Amino acid sequence: MDRQEEIADSPNEWVAQHIRHYLETNGQARPGMNDLLLTTRGRKSGKLRRTALVHVRDGDRYILAASNAGADQHPAWYLNLTANPNVTVQIGPESFPAAARTATPDEKPRLWELIVAAVPSYQGYQEATSREIPVVIIDRTY
């Protein structure tokens, strides 16, 4: 992703405020949360899109839940990375290129347990929707 290219932050005002705070504090996460910024390329617009998400670690990998707070549709960031898995991640002050993919059915149960153990509200999100919430695995590409 071209660093000079403009990045559009989430249209959700709460998320946009969180992104601004994260950037202004050089990547300071919310207390008790493992936050990161994920930049994807819009599958329709081709523009860079940034959102703030909670992650868990699995070795060197970063694990995300595409929960959309229990909504019945996948979040836009997830749809974007399924169309183009090349993403940029910022954790703290560090940004790096990465590749994102959906966990396989064999991988998902263990990873879902890690997510729910870290953030129990994700179980409620799954119960609130009929769709299966995807788990995303992010690997650094350098």
C-alpha atoms as a PDB file:
ATOM      1  CA  MET A   1       0.000   0.000   0.000  1.00  0.00           C
ATOM      2  CA  ASP A   2       1.338   3.401  -0.960  1.00  0.00           C
ATOM      3  CA  ARG A   3       2.071   5.393   2.206  1.00  0.00           C
ATOM      4  CA  GLN A   4       1.310   8.657   0.336  1.00  0.00           C
ATOM      5  CA  GLU A   5      -2.171   7.494  -0.579  1.00  0.00           C
ATOM      6  CA  GLU A   6      -5.001   9.005   1.477  1.00  0.00           C
ATOM      7  CA  ILE A   7      -6.611   6.680   4.021  1.00  0.00           C
ATOM      8  CA  ALA A   8     -10.300   7.000   4.880  1.00  0.00           C
ATOM      9  CA  ASP A   9     -11.153   6.221   8.489  1.00  0.00           C
ATOM     10  CA  SER A  10     -14.239   4.318   9.544  1.00  0.00           C
ATOM     11  CA  PRO A  11     -17.510   6.192   8.913  1.00  0.00           C
ATOM     12  CA  ASN A  12     -18.601   5.092  12.407  1.00  0.00           C
ATOM     13  CA  GLU A  13     -17.876   8.190  14.552  1.00  0.00           C
ATOM     14  CA  TRP A  14     -16.976   6.184  17.675  1.00  0.00           C
ATOM     15  CA  VAL A  15     -14.459   4.126  15.699  1.00  0.00           C
ATOM     16  CA  ALA A  16     -13.114   7.233  13.934  1.00  0.00           C
ATOM     17  CA  GLN A  17     -12.555   8.909  17.330  1.00  0.00           C
ATOM     18  CA  HIS A  18     -10.783   5.791  18.559  1.00  0.00           C
ATOM     19  CA  ILE A  19      -8.519   5.810  15.473  1.00  0.00           C
ATOM     20  CA  ARG A  20      -7.662   9.482  16.023  1.00  0.00           C
ATOM     21  CA  HIS A  21      -6.812   8.830  19.684  1.00  0.00           C
ATOM     22  CA  TYR A  22      -4.707   5.803  18.736  1.00  0.00           C
ATOM     23  CA  LEU A  23      -2.740   7.855  16.200  1.00  0.00           C
ATOM     24  CA  GLU A  24      -2.379  10.893  18.482  1.00  0.00           C
ATOM     25  CA  THR A  25      -1.016   8.734  21.330  1.00  0.00           C
ATOM     26  CA  ASN A  26       1.399   6.774  19.117  1.00  0.00           C
ATOM     27  CA  GLY A  27      -0.652   3.597  19.357  1.00  0.00           C
ATOM     28  CA  GLN A  28      -1.825   3.614  22.949  1.00  0.00           C
ATOM     29  CA  ALA A  29      -4.514   0.960  23.308  1.00  0.00           C
ATOM     30  CA  ARG A  30      -7.603   1.340  25.468  1.00  0.00           C
ATOM     31  CA  PRO A  31      -7.026   0.101  29.031  1.00  0.00           C
ATOM     32  CA  GLY A  32      -7.321  -3.686  29.173  1.00  0.00           C
ATOM     33  CA  MET A  33      -7.698  -4.074  25.387  1.00  0.00           C
ATOM     34  CA  ASN A  34      -5.359  -5.239  22.652  1.00  0.00           C
ATOM     35  CA  ASP A  35      -6.186  -2.751  19.925  1.00  0.00           C
ATOM     36  CA  LEU A  36      -4.767  -2.443  16.440  1.00  0.00           C
ATOM     37  CA  LEU A  37      -5.483  -0.419  13.331  1.00  0.00           C
ATOM     38  CA  LEU A  38      -6.241  -2.371  10.174  1.00  0.00           C
ATOM     39  CA  THR A  39      -6.035  -0.779   6.742  1.00  0.00           C
ATOM     40  CA  THR A  40      -7.682  -2.599   3.857  1.00  0.00           C
ATOM     41  CA  ARG A  41      -8.323  -1.655   0.241  1.00  0.00           C
ATOM     42  CA  GLY A  42     -11.994  -1.053  -0.547  1.00  0.00           C
ATOM     43  CA  ARG A  43     -13.303  -3.845  -2.742  1.00  0.00           C
ATOM     44  CA  LYS A  44     -15.547  -1.433  -4.677  1.00  0.00           C
ATOM     45  CA  SER A  45     -13.804   1.939  -4.384  1.00  0.00           C
ATOM     46  CA  GLY A  46     -10.188   0.765  -4.479  1.00  0.00           C
ATOM     47  CA  LYS A  47      -9.444   3.326  -1.741  1.00  0.00           C
ATOM     48  CA  LEU A  48      -7.622   2.609   1.508  1.00  0.00           C
ATOM     49  CA  ARG A  49      -9.931   2.113   4.501  1.00  0.00           C
ATOM     50  CA  ARG A  50      -8.839   2.072   8.160  1.00  0.00           C
ATOM     51  CA  THR A  51     -10.599   0.707  11.222  1.00  0.00           C
ATOM     52  CA  ALA A  52      -9.723  -0.035  14.844  1.00  0.00           C
ATOM     53  CA  LEU A  53     -10.150  -3.585  16.105  1.00  0.00           C
ATOM     54  CA  VAL A  54      -9.443  -5.756  19.117  1.00  0.00           C
ATOM     55  CA  HIS A  55      -7.036  -8.618  18.481  1.00  0.00           C
ATOM     56  CA  VAL A  56      -5.588 -11.609  20.273  1.00  0.00           C
ATOM     57  CA  ARG A  57      -2.209 -13.160  19.628  1.00  0.00           C
ATOM     58  CA  ASP A  58      -1.615 -16.720  18.520  1.00  0.00           C
ATOM     59  CA  GLY A  59       2.152 -17.042  18.404  1.00  0.00           C
ATOM     60  CA  ASP A  60       3.333 -14.540  15.789  1.00  0.00           C
ATOM     61  CA  ARG A  61      -0.141 -14.200  14.286  1.00  0.00           C
ATOM     62  CA  TYR A  62      -2.845 -11.653  15.040  1.00  0.00           C
ATOM     63  CA  ILE A  63      -6.404 -12.967  15.353  1.00  0.00           C
ATOM     64  CA  LEU A  64      -9.554 -10.913  14.733  1.00  0.00           C
ATOM     65  CA  ALA A  65     -13.271 -11.640  14.929  1.00  0.00           C
ATOM     66  CA  ALA A  66     -15.387 -10.162  12.121  1.00  0.00           C
ATOM     67  CA  SER A  67     -18.240  -9.718  14.596  1.00  0.00           C
ATOM     68  CA  ASN A  68     -19.739  -6.409  13.450  1.00  0.00           C
ATOM     69  CA  ALA A  69     -21.120  -6.282  17.018  1.00  0.00           C
ATOM     70  CA  GLY A  70     -23.491  -9.148  16.222  1.00  0.00           C
ATOM     71  CA  ALA A  71     -25.060  -7.571  13.128  1.00  0.00           C
ATOM     72  CA  ASP A  72     -26.457  -9.879  10.470  1.00  0.00           C
ATOM     73  CA  GLN A  73     -23.959  -8.743   7.817  1.00  0.00           C
ATOM     74  CA  HIS A  74     -20.187  -8.987   7.739  1.00  0.00           C
ATOM     75  CA  PRO A  75     -18.249  -5.800   8.490  1.00  0.00           C
ATOM     76  CA  ALA A  76     -16.933  -3.904   5.457  1.00  0.00           C
ATOM     77  CA  TRP A  77     -13.312  -4.405   6.534  1.00  0.00           C
ATOM     78  CA  TYR A  78     -13.813  -8.179   6.382  1.00  0.00           C
ATOM     79  CA  LEU A  79     -15.400  -8.051   2.921  1.00  0.00           C
ATOM     80  CA  ASN A  80     -12.505  -5.852   1.781  1.00  0.00           C
ATOM     81  CA  LEU A  81      -9.806  -8.234   2.969  1.00  0.00           C
ATOM     82  CA  THR A  82     -11.526 -11.234   1.406  1.00  0.00           C
ATOM     83  CA  ALA A  83     -11.292  -9.369  -1.916  1.00  0.00           C
ATOM     84  CA  ASN A  84      -7.692  -8.227  -1.294  1.00  0.00           C
ATOM     85  CA  PRO A  85      -5.806  -9.954   1.542  1.00  0.00           C
ATOM     86  CA  ASN A  86      -2.890  -7.487   1.472  1.00  0.00           C
ATOM     87  CA  VAL A  87      -3.393  -5.234   4.496  1.00  0.00           C
ATOM     88  CA  THR A  88      -1.448  -2.881   6.738  1.00  0.00           C
ATOM     89  CA  VAL A  89      -1.520  -3.291  10.508  1.00  0.00           C
ATOM     90  CA  GLN A  90      -0.505  -0.790  13.171  1.00  0.00           C
ATOM     91  CA  ILE A  91       0.134  -2.029  16.683  1.00  0.00           C
ATOM     92  CA  GLY A  92       1.444   0.623  19.011  1.00  0.00           C
ATOM     93  CA  PRO A  93       3.757   2.876  16.996  1.00  0.00           C
ATOM     94  CA  GLU A  94       4.708   0.109  14.528  1.00  0.00           C
ATOM     95  CA  SER A  95       3.050  -0.352  11.124  1.00  0.00           C
ATOM     96  CA  PHE A  96       3.750  -3.338   8.921  1.00  0.00           C
ATOM     97  CA  PRO A  97       2.450  -5.090   5.807  1.00  0.00           C
ATOM     98  CA  ALA A  98       0.511  -8.278   6.362  1.00  0.00           C
ATOM     99  CA  ALA A  99      -1.653 -10.895   4.717  1.00  0.00           C
ATOM    100  CA  ALA A 100      -5.113 -11.662   6.061  1.00  0.00           C
ATOM    101  CA  ARG A 101      -7.197 -14.771   5.601  1.00  0.00           C
ATOM    102  CA  THR A 102     -10.256 -16.413   7.080  1.00  0.00           C
ATOM    103  CA  ALA A 103      -9.516 -19.253   9.479  1.00  0.00           C
ATOM    104  CA  THR A 104     -10.396 -22.681   8.123  1.00  0.00           C
ATOM    105  CA  PRO A 105     -13.142 -24.715   9.807  1.00  0.00           C
ATOM    106  CA  ASP A 106     -10.398 -26.803  11.463  1.00  0.00           C
ATOM    107  CA  GLU A 107      -8.557 -23.718  12.774  1.00  0.00           C
ATOM    108  CA  LYS A 108     -11.551 -21.699  13.926  1.00  0.00           C
ATOM    109  CA  PRO A 109     -12.710 -23.470  17.139  1.00  0.00           C
ATOM    110  CA  ARG A 110      -9.400 -23.039  18.987  1.00  0.00           C
ATOM    111  CA  LEU A 111      -8.985 -19.461  17.770  1.00  0.00           C
ATOM    112  CA  TRP A 112     -12.575 -18.577  18.670  1.00  0.00           C
ATOM    113  CA  GLU A 113     -11.922 -19.841  22.212  1.00  0.00           C
ATOM    114  CA  LEU A 114      -8.885 -17.515  22.443  1.00  0.00           C
ATOM    115  CA  ILE A 115     -11.007 -14.569  21.303  1.00  0.00           C
ATOM    116  CA  VAL A 116     -13.883 -15.242  23.703  1.00  0.00           C
ATOM    117  CA  ALA A 117     -11.479 -15.815  26.609  1.00  0.00           C
ATOM    118  CA  ALA A 118      -9.955 -12.364  25.959  1.00  0.00           C
ATOM    119  CA  VAL A 119     -13.223 -10.556  25.187  1.00  0.00           C
ATOM    120  CA  PRO A 120     -16.275 -12.495  26.433  1.00  0.00           C
ATOM    121  CA  SER A 121     -18.713 -10.112  24.699  1.00  0.00           C
ATOM    122  CA  TYR A 122     -17.851 -11.796  21.384  1.00  0.00           C
ATOM    123  CA  GLN A 123     -19.870 -14.838  22.490  1.00  0.00           C
ATOM    124  CA  GLY A 124     -22.894 -12.563  22.867  1.00  0.00           C
ATOM    125  CA  TYR A 125     -22.263 -11.164  19.392  1.00  0.00           C
ATOM    126  CA  GLN A 126     -22.346 -14.698  17.962  1.00  0.00           C
ATOM    127  CA  GLU A 127     -25.586 -15.420  19.821  1.00  0.00           C
ATOM    128  CA  ALA A 128     -27.129 -12.190  18.465  1.00  0.00           C
ATOM    129  CA  THR A 129     -26.777 -13.185  14.804  1.00  0.00           C
ATOM    130  CA  SER A 130     -27.634 -16.159  12.637  1.00  0.00           C
ATOM    131  CA  ARG A 131     -24.462 -15.725  10.566  1.00  0.00           C
ATOM    132  CA  GLU A 132     -21.290 -17.499  11.586  1.00  0.00           C
ATOM    133  CA  ILE A 133     -18.793 -14.858  12.682  1.00  0.00           C
ATOM    134  CA  PRO A 134     -15.568 -15.338  10.722  1.00  0.00           C
ATOM    135  CA  VAL A 135     -12.209 -15.474  12.464  1.00  0.00           C
ATOM    136  CA  VAL A 136      -9.380 -13.732  10.615  1.00  0.00           C
ATOM    137  CA  ILE A 137      -5.708 -14.672  10.813  1.00  0.00           C
ATOM    138  CA  ILE A 138      -3.166 -11.954  10.032  1.00  0.00           C
ATOM    139  CA  ASP A 139       0.460 -12.789   9.279  1.00  0.00           C
ATOM    140  CA  ARG A 140       3.256 -10.269   8.753  1.00  0.00           C
ATOM    141  CA  THR A 141       4.581 -10.396   5.199  1.00  0.00           C
ATOM    142  CA  TYR A 142       8.118  -9.138   5.737  1.00  0.00           C
END
